[in-house]
Amino acid sequence: MSILLLGGSPAAVSSTGRLLDHVAEKLAERLGDIRPGHRYTKVQVRELPAHALLQAETSDLAIKRAIAAVADADAVIIATPVYKASYTGLLKAFLDLLPQDGLAGKLVLPLATGGSQSHMLALDYALRPVLHALDARHVLAGIYATSSQLVWNEGSGLAVDQAIAWRVQAGVEGLAAALHGHKSWLEQLAQASFVAPVAPIRLAR
């Protein structure tokens, strides 16, 4: 199985990039428990030649390799910061280079970061329709985090807010389940949970 990490942030160091790496790390741990030997590839759109990207020069070698990485992937984890209630123009420039069915047969897990919760719906209203238009097999529920929920420390690394950690776990389990047909942790939890029936209460007359 091949998993592509697609970064759409224009910044070399960003919350978006850290979230992408964090999710990839958790997925590698989970898939390693199921079946080892998965291949990971990362494409940072900002590292592609700017002129070739903006001029849609698909003959450029770096652009060719990036498009081929998408074509070869079984699953794509795509990450973007939210600017003006949408994903980045940088990411759009790359997605525009893909064929109309560029995500056909692929699983997609979208990630986004923003300054506040007010941009959370950008995943569903801006990015998700594009992923479906590219014929993705299945777009999982996206993960959105604010910068305050992703705190970086040079000594200890990334500290993830508990709410985001749960969403990451759910996203990773969902992607792993879709890749290998295993039940998600939510389904396992539902099966394991047992609620005793409530005995009827008799009211005195």
Protein backbone atom coordinates (compact mmCIF):
# COMPACT_ATOMS: atom_id res chain seq x y z
CA MET A 1 0.00 0.00 0.00
CA SER A 2 1.20 3.48 -0.86
CA ILE A 3 0.28 6.55 1.17
CA LEU A 4 0.93 10.05 -0.13
CA LEU A 5 1.36 13.04 2.18
CA LEU A 6 0.41 16.16 0.23
CA GLY A 7 1.33 19.45 1.88
CA GLY A 8 -0.31 22.64 0.65
CA SER A 9 1.26 25.17 3.02
CA PRO A 10 3.47 27.89 1.53
CA ALA A 11 5.53 28.00 4.75
CA ALA A 12 8.49 25.70 5.35
CA VAL A 13 7.61 25.46 9.06
CA SER A 14 3.93 25.57 9.93
CA SER A 15 1.16 24.11 12.08
CA THR A 16 -0.18 22.52 8.91
CA GLY A 17 3.06 20.69 8.24
CA ARG A 18 3.31 19.55 11.83
CA LEU A 19 -0.25 18.24 11.82
CA LEU A 20 0.44 16.37 8.57
CA ASP A 21 3.57 14.75 10.05
CA HIS A 22 1.73 13.90 13.27
CA VAL A 23 -1.12 12.17 11.46
CA ALA A 24 1.35 10.31 9.24
CA GLU A 25 3.25 9.11 12.30
CA LYS A 26 0.07 7.86 13.97
CA LEU A 27 -1.03 6.14 10.77
CA ALA A 28 2.35 4.43 10.40
CA GLU A 29 2.04 3.12 13.95
CA ARG A 30 -1.48 1.85 13.32
CA LEU A 31 -0.79 0.26 9.96
CA GLY A 32 2.35 -1.32 11.36
CA ASP A 33 0.12 -3.15 13.84
CA ILE A 34 -2.03 -4.47 10.99
CA ARG A 35 0.46 -5.16 8.24
CA PRO A 36 4.02 -3.82 7.87
CA GLY A 37 5.62 -2.65 4.64
CA HIS A 38 3.57 0.39 3.65
CA ARG A 39 5.29 2.98 1.50
CA TYR A 40 5.08 6.68 2.33
CA THR A 41 5.77 9.52 -0.07
CA LYS A 42 5.63 13.24 0.69
CA VAL A 43 5.00 16.03 -1.80
CA GLN A 44 5.32 19.59 -0.54
CA VAL A 45 3.73 21.72 -3.23
CA ARG A 46 5.83 24.76 -2.23
CA GLU A 47 8.96 22.83 -3.26
CA LEU A 48 7.78 22.39 -6.85
CA PRO A 49 9.13 24.82 -9.46
CA ALA A 50 6.94 27.92 -9.15
CA HIS A 51 7.00 28.84 -12.84
CA ALA A 52 6.12 25.31 -13.96
CA LEU A 53 3.38 25.08 -11.36
CA LEU A 54 1.74 28.39 -12.25
CA GLN A 55 2.12 27.86 -15.98
CA ALA A 56 0.76 24.30 -15.72
CA GLU A 57 3.85 22.86 -17.37
CA THR A 58 3.14 19.19 -16.84
CA SER A 59 6.21 18.33 -18.89
CA ASP A 60 8.43 19.61 -16.08
CA LEU A 61 10.20 16.67 -14.41
CA ALA A 62 9.37 17.70 -10.83
CA ILE A 63 5.72 18.28 -11.75
CA LYS A 64 5.61 14.92 -13.52
CA ARG A 65 6.98 13.17 -10.44
CA ALA A 66 4.45 14.85 -8.15
CA ILE A 67 1.52 13.92 -10.39
CA ALA A 68 2.86 10.36 -10.64
CA ALA A 69 3.05 10.19 -6.83
CA VAL A 70 -0.65 10.99 -6.68
CA ALA A 71 -1.43 8.39 -9.35
CA ASP A 72 0.54 5.69 -7.51
CA ALA A 73 -1.03 6.33 -4.10
CA ASP A 74 -3.74 4.19 -2.55
CA ALA A 75 -4.46 6.89 0.02
CA VAL A 76 -3.76 10.62 0.14
CA ILE A 77 -3.49 12.69 3.29
CA ILE A 78 -3.85 16.27 2.14
CA ALA A 79 -3.12 19.24 4.41
CA THR A 80 -3.69 22.95 3.97
CA PRO A 81 -3.93 26.10 6.02
CA VAL A 82 -7.16 28.02 5.60
CA TYR A 83 -6.84 31.46 4.01
CA LYS A 84 -9.92 33.59 3.38
CA ALA A 85 -12.25 30.67 4.14
CA SER A 86 -10.62 28.37 1.58
CA TYR A 87 -7.62 26.16 0.97
CA THR A 88 -4.43 27.74 -0.36
CA GLY A 89 -3.98 28.93 -3.93
CA LEU A 90 -0.76 26.93 -3.91
CA LEU A 91 -2.67 23.71 -3.37
CA LYS A 92 -5.29 24.70 -5.94
CA ALA A 93 -2.58 25.27 -8.54
CA PHE A 94 -1.40 21.70 -8.03
CA LEU A 95 -4.84 20.10 -7.92
CA ASP A 96 -5.64 21.87 -11.19
CA LEU A 97 -2.83 19.89 -12.82
CA LEU A 98 -4.41 16.54 -12.01
CA PRO A 99 -6.63 14.85 -14.59
CA GLN A 100 -10.39 14.97 -14.05
CA ASP A 101 -10.26 11.54 -12.38
CA GLY A 102 -6.95 12.19 -10.67
CA LEU A 103 -8.11 10.75 -7.34
CA ALA A 104 -10.12 7.86 -8.75
CA GLY A 105 -10.06 4.80 -6.50
CA LYS A 106 -8.20 6.64 -3.75
CA LEU A 107 -8.97 7.25 -0.11
CA VAL A 108 -8.48 10.84 1.01
CA LEU A 109 -8.06 12.23 4.52
CA PRO A 110 -8.18 16.05 4.47
CA LEU A 111 -6.49 18.14 7.17
CA ALA A 112 -6.65 21.88 7.71
CA THR A 113 -5.40 24.45 10.18
CA GLY A 114 -6.57 27.98 10.86
CA GLY A 115 -6.49 30.85 13.27
CA SER A 116 -9.92 30.21 14.75
CA GLN A 117 -12.83 27.79 14.75
CA SER A 118 -14.72 30.09 12.39
CA HIS A 119 -12.80 28.59 9.45
CA MET A 120 -13.61 24.97 10.30
CA LEU A 121 -16.27 24.58 7.59
CA ALA A 122 -13.73 25.40 4.87
CA LEU A 123 -12.90 21.69 4.73
CA ASP A 124 -16.47 20.75 3.84
CA TYR A 125 -17.46 23.71 1.70
CA ALA A 126 -14.21 24.46 -0.13
CA LEU A 127 -11.90 21.44 -0.26
CA ARG A 128 -14.22 18.43 -0.09
CA PRO A 129 -16.19 19.28 -3.28
CA VAL A 130 -12.91 19.50 -5.22
CA LEU A 131 -11.77 16.11 -3.92
CA HIS A 132 -15.09 14.57 -4.96
CA ALA A 133 -14.85 16.26 -8.36
CA LEU A 134 -11.49 14.53 -8.82
CA ASP A 135 -13.37 11.23 -8.34
CA ALA A 136 -11.94 10.23 -4.95
CA ARG A 137 -13.17 6.79 -3.89
CA HIS A 138 -13.93 8.03 -0.39
CA VAL A 139 -13.20 11.30 1.42
CA LEU A 140 -13.03 10.70 5.15
CA ALA A 141 -14.20 13.21 7.74
CA GLY A 142 -11.68 16.01 7.83
CA ILE A 143 -9.58 17.12 10.78
CA TYR A 144 -9.42 20.83 11.51
CA ALA A 145 -7.22 22.36 14.21
CA THR A 146 -6.39 25.88 15.30
CA SER A 147 -2.85 26.96 16.05
CA SER A 148 -3.69 27.06 19.76
CA GLN A 149 -4.57 23.34 19.58
CA LEU A 150 -1.18 22.48 18.10
CA VAL A 151 1.56 23.77 20.38
CA TRP A 152 5.16 23.23 19.36
CA ASN A 153 8.00 22.94 21.85
CA GLU A 154 11.60 22.61 20.68
CA GLY A 155 12.34 20.19 23.48
CA SER A 156 9.25 17.99 23.62
CA GLY A 157 7.86 18.42 20.11
CA LEU A 158 4.20 18.78 19.21
CA ALA A 159 1.55 18.92 21.93
CA VAL A 160 -1.90 18.16 20.52
CA ASP A 161 -5.11 19.25 22.21
CA GLN A 162 -7.12 16.27 23.47
CA ALA A 163 -10.08 17.01 21.19
CA ILE A 164 -7.76 17.02 18.17
CA ALA A 165 -6.00 13.88 19.39
CA TRP A 166 -9.36 12.06 19.37
CA ARG A 167 -10.11 13.30 15.86
CA VAL A 168 -6.70 12.21 14.67
CA GLN A 169 -7.25 8.77 16.20
CA ALA A 170 -10.64 8.49 14.55
CA GLY A 171 -9.24 9.62 11.20
CA VAL A 172 -6.31 7.21 11.38
CA GLU A 173 -8.55 4.30 12.37
CA GLY A 174 -11.00 5.15 9.61
CA LEU A 175 -8.25 5.29 7.00
CA ALA A 176 -6.65 2.07 8.24
CA ALA A 177 -10.02 0.35 8.23
CA ALA A 178 -10.75 1.49 4.68
CA LEU A 179 -7.33 0.36 3.48
CA HIS A 180 -7.47 -3.08 5.06
CA GLY A 181 -11.11 -3.76 5.87
CA HIS A 182 -10.58 -3.74 9.62
CA LYS A 183 -13.25 -2.41 11.95
CA SER A 184 -12.61 1.04 13.29
CA TRP A 185 -12.02 1.66 16.97
CA LEU A 186 -15.43 3.32 17.13
CA GLU A 187 -17.13 0.16 15.88
CA GLN A 188 -15.07 -1.94 18.29
CA LEU A 189 -16.03 0.36 21.12
CA ALA A 190 -19.70 0.14 20.17
CA GLN A 191 -19.56 -3.66 20.17
CA ALA A 192 -17.66 -3.79 23.45
CA SER A 193 -19.97 -1.39 25.22
CA PHE A 194 -22.83 -2.89 27.16
CA VAL A 195 -25.60 -0.99 28.82
CA ALA A 196 -27.69 -2.99 31.28
CA PRO A 197 -31.41 -2.75 30.63
CA VAL A 198 -33.22 -0.48 33.01
CA ALA A 199 -35.75 -2.27 35.18
CA PRO A 200 -39.25 -0.81 35.05
CA ILE A 201 -40.13 1.42 37.96
CA ARG A 202 -43.39 0.69 39.74
CA LEU A 203 -45.06 3.74 41.14
CA ALA A 204 -47.05 3.38 44.32
CA ARG A 205 -50.73 4.16 44.03
